[in-house]
Amino acid sequence: MRLEEAHEVTGGLWSEFWALFTDPAHAMTEIAMSIVWDVIVITLIYQLLVKRWLYPRWANRLHKELDAEHGIDHESGLPISQQYGTASAGHVKVIFDAEDRSDG
């Protein structure tokens, strides 16, 4: 059947659109597929792949990079404040001095 003949038999594009738009079975199918894809598939993919696999890997890699950059060793058993030594105390003092000067 040619396209022109199909349009004559079915009544054209708008009549087909209106038939699908007002068909209860079609509407229920659209709702069901929206639930399946949006709720089940996308949520599961996000929960399982992104939150449980990708984010922890990215966070661990970033944590290791920052530890190496700042010279933090978690294996030494020392608290982080003792690993920093006077550099940390000096840094905090500079921050507090800047805040004190801006207030007064």
C-alpha atoms as a PDB file:
ATOM      1  CA  MET A   1       0.000   0.000   0.000  1.00  0.00           C
ATOM      2  CA  ARG A   2       1.375   3.352  -0.964  1.00  0.00           C
ATOM      3  CA  LEU A   3       1.576   6.234   1.501  1.00  0.00           C
ATOM      4  CA  GLU A   4      -1.224   8.180  -0.154  1.00  0.00           C
ATOM      5  CA  GLU A   5      -3.520   5.172  -0.026  1.00  0.00           C
ATOM      6  CA  ALA A   6      -2.678   4.588   3.629  1.00  0.00           C
ATOM      7  CA  HIS A   7      -3.625   8.171   4.454  1.00  0.00           C
ATOM      8  CA  GLU A   8      -6.902   7.803   2.621  1.00  0.00           C
ATOM      9  CA  VAL A   9      -7.754   4.595   4.508  1.00  0.00           C
ATOM     10  CA  THR A  10      -6.747   5.865   7.950  1.00  0.00           C
ATOM     11  CA  GLY A  11      -7.888   9.433   7.483  1.00  0.00           C
ATOM     12  CA  GLY A  12      -4.463  11.063   7.582  1.00  0.00           C
ATOM     13  CA  LEU A  13      -1.948  12.061  10.163  1.00  0.00           C
ATOM     14  CA  TRP A  14      -4.201  14.042  12.501  1.00  0.00           C
ATOM     15  CA  SER A  15      -6.857  11.380  12.710  1.00  0.00           C
ATOM     16  CA  GLU A  16      -4.182   8.802  13.584  1.00  0.00           C
ATOM     17  CA  PHE A  17      -2.743  11.179  16.161  1.00  0.00           C
ATOM     18  CA  TRP A  18      -6.143  11.787  17.717  1.00  0.00           C
ATOM     19  CA  ALA A  19      -6.904   8.051  17.770  1.00  0.00           C
ATOM     20  CA  LEU A  20      -3.667   7.335  19.624  1.00  0.00           C
ATOM     21  CA  PHE A  21      -4.065  10.349  21.907  1.00  0.00           C
ATOM     22  CA  THR A  22      -7.552   9.376  23.044  1.00  0.00           C
ATOM     23  CA  ASP A  23      -7.011   5.598  23.173  1.00  0.00           C
ATOM     24  CA  PRO A  24      -7.047   4.454  26.835  1.00  0.00           C
ATOM     25  CA  ALA A  25      -4.859   1.433  26.093  1.00  0.00           C
ATOM     26  CA  HIS A  26      -2.233   3.654  24.519  1.00  0.00           C
ATOM     27  CA  ALA A  27      -2.314   6.066  27.455  1.00  0.00           C
ATOM     28  CA  MET A  28      -1.925   3.208  29.969  1.00  0.00           C
ATOM     29  CA  THR A  29       0.984   1.819  27.975  1.00  0.00           C
ATOM     30  CA  GLU A  30       2.698   5.221  27.964  1.00  0.00           C
ATOM     31  CA  ILE A  31       2.278   5.553  31.740  1.00  0.00           C
ATOM     32  CA  ALA A  32       3.534   2.021  32.352  1.00  0.00           C
ATOM     33  CA  MET A  33       6.599   2.521  30.158  1.00  0.00           C
ATOM     34  CA  SER A  34       7.321   5.853  31.848  1.00  0.00           C
ATOM     35  CA  ILE A  35       7.278   4.109  35.210  1.00  0.00           C
ATOM     36  CA  VAL A  36       9.472   1.287  33.960  1.00  0.00           C
ATOM     37  CA  TRP A  37      12.088   3.527  32.384  1.00  0.00           C
ATOM     38  CA  ASP A  38      12.075   6.501  34.726  1.00  0.00           C
ATOM     39  CA  VAL A  39      11.635   4.806  38.055  1.00  0.00           C
ATOM     40  CA  ILE A  40      13.128   1.372  37.683  1.00  0.00           C
ATOM     41  CA  VAL A  41      15.802   1.555  35.003  1.00  0.00           C
ATOM     42  CA  ILE A  42      17.139   5.073  35.501  1.00  0.00           C
ATOM     43  CA  THR A  43      16.983   4.903  39.304  1.00  0.00           C
ATOM     44  CA  LEU A  44      18.708   1.545  39.411  1.00  0.00           C
ATOM     45  CA  ILE A  45      21.380   2.654  36.983  1.00  0.00           C
ATOM     46  CA  TYR A  46      22.010   5.793  39.019  1.00  0.00           C
ATOM     47  CA  GLN A  47      22.013   3.989  42.363  1.00  0.00           C
ATOM     48  CA  LEU A  48      24.117   1.028  41.324  1.00  0.00           C
ATOM     49  CA  LEU A  49      26.536   2.455  38.802  1.00  0.00           C
ATOM     50  CA  VAL A  50      26.985   6.069  39.737  1.00  0.00           C
ATOM     51  CA  LYS A  51      26.582   6.189  43.502  1.00  0.00           C
ATOM     52  CA  ARG A  52      28.036   2.798  44.370  1.00  0.00           C
ATOM     53  CA  TRP A  53      30.731   2.459  41.717  1.00  0.00           C
ATOM     54  CA  LEU A  54      31.776   5.764  40.121  1.00  0.00           C
ATOM     55  CA  TYR A  55      31.543   8.229  43.032  1.00  0.00           C
ATOM     56  CA  PRO A  56      33.581   6.109  45.484  1.00  0.00           C
ATOM     57  CA  ARG A  57      36.311   5.597  42.877  1.00  0.00           C
ATOM     58  CA  TRP A  58      36.469   9.316  42.095  1.00  0.00           C
ATOM     59  CA  ALA A  59      36.428  10.258  45.784  1.00  0.00           C
ATOM     60  CA  ASN A  60      39.180   7.775  46.670  1.00  0.00           C
ATOM     61  CA  ARG A  61      41.381   8.954  43.808  1.00  0.00           C
ATOM     62  CA  LEU A  62      40.860  12.603  44.757  1.00  0.00           C
ATOM     63  CA  HIS A  63      41.487  11.813  48.437  1.00  0.00           C
ATOM     64  CA  LYS A  64      44.809  10.124  47.588  1.00  0.00           C
ATOM     65  CA  GLU A  65      45.860  13.035  45.374  1.00  0.00           C
ATOM     66  CA  LEU A  66      45.049  15.588  48.070  1.00  0.00           C
ATOM     67  CA  ASP A  67      46.821  13.522  50.733  1.00  0.00           C
ATOM     68  CA  ALA A  68      49.932  13.306  48.564  1.00  0.00           C
ATOM     69  CA  GLU A  69      49.789  17.025  47.788  1.00  0.00           C
ATOM     70  CA  HIS A  70      49.488  17.995  51.462  1.00  0.00           C
ATOM     71  CA  GLY A  71      51.840  15.336  52.798  1.00  0.00           C
ATOM     72  CA  ILE A  72      49.268  13.483  54.878  1.00  0.00           C
ATOM     73  CA  ASP A  73      50.066   9.878  55.791  1.00  0.00           C
ATOM     74  CA  HIS A  74      47.137   7.933  57.223  1.00  0.00           C
ATOM     75  CA  GLU A  75      49.348   4.900  57.933  1.00  0.00           C
ATOM     76  CA  SER A  76      51.591   6.692  60.442  1.00  0.00           C
ATOM     77  CA  GLY A  77      49.011   6.526  63.226  1.00  0.00           C
ATOM     78  CA  LEU A  78      49.511  10.198  64.099  1.00  0.00           C
ATOM     79  CA  PRO A  79      46.568  12.586  64.188  1.00  0.00           C
ATOM     80  CA  ILE A  80      46.462  14.856  61.176  1.00  0.00           C
ATOM     81  CA  SER A  81      47.065  17.910  63.389  1.00  0.00           C
ATOM     82  CA  GLN A  82      50.427  16.441  64.490  1.00  0.00           C
ATOM     83  CA  GLN A  83      51.347  15.529  60.913  1.00  0.00           C
ATOM     84  CA  TYR A  84      50.963  19.173  59.890  1.00  0.00           C
ATOM     85  CA  GLY A  85      53.055  20.458  62.771  1.00  0.00           C
ATOM     86  CA  THR A  86      53.633  24.202  62.945  1.00  0.00           C
ATOM     87  CA  ALA A  87      52.624  24.831  59.332  1.00  0.00           C
ATOM     88  CA  SER A  88      49.005  24.112  60.198  1.00  0.00           C
ATOM     89  CA  ALA A  89      49.084  26.270  63.307  1.00  0.00           C
ATOM     90  CA  GLY A  90      50.702  29.112  61.370  1.00  0.00           C
ATOM     91  CA  HIS A  91      48.114  28.857  58.626  1.00  0.00           C
ATOM     92  CA  VAL A  92      45.256  28.972  61.124  1.00  0.00           C
ATOM     93  CA  LYS A  93      46.878  31.934  62.887  1.00  0.00           C
ATOM     94  CA  VAL A  94      47.102  33.852  59.619  1.00  0.00           C
ATOM     95  CA  ILE A  95      43.425  33.197  58.925  1.00  0.00           C
ATOM     96  CA  PHE A  96      42.416  34.386  62.402  1.00  0.00           C
ATOM     97  CA  ASP A  97      44.639  37.453  62.175  1.00  0.00           C
ATOM     98  CA  ALA A  98      43.013  38.409  58.852  1.00  0.00           C
ATOM     99  CA  GLU A  99      39.547  37.992  60.356  1.00  0.00           C
ATOM    100  CA  ASP A 100      40.496  40.054  63.425  1.00  0.00           C
ATOM    101  CA  ARG A 101      41.765  42.912  61.264  1.00  0.00           C
ATOM    102  CA  SER A 102      38.654  42.948  59.073  1.00  0.00           C
ATOM    103  CA  ASP A 103      36.330  43.129  62.091  1.00  0.00           C
ATOM    104  CA  GLY A 104      37.982  45.917  63.893  1.00  0.00           C
END
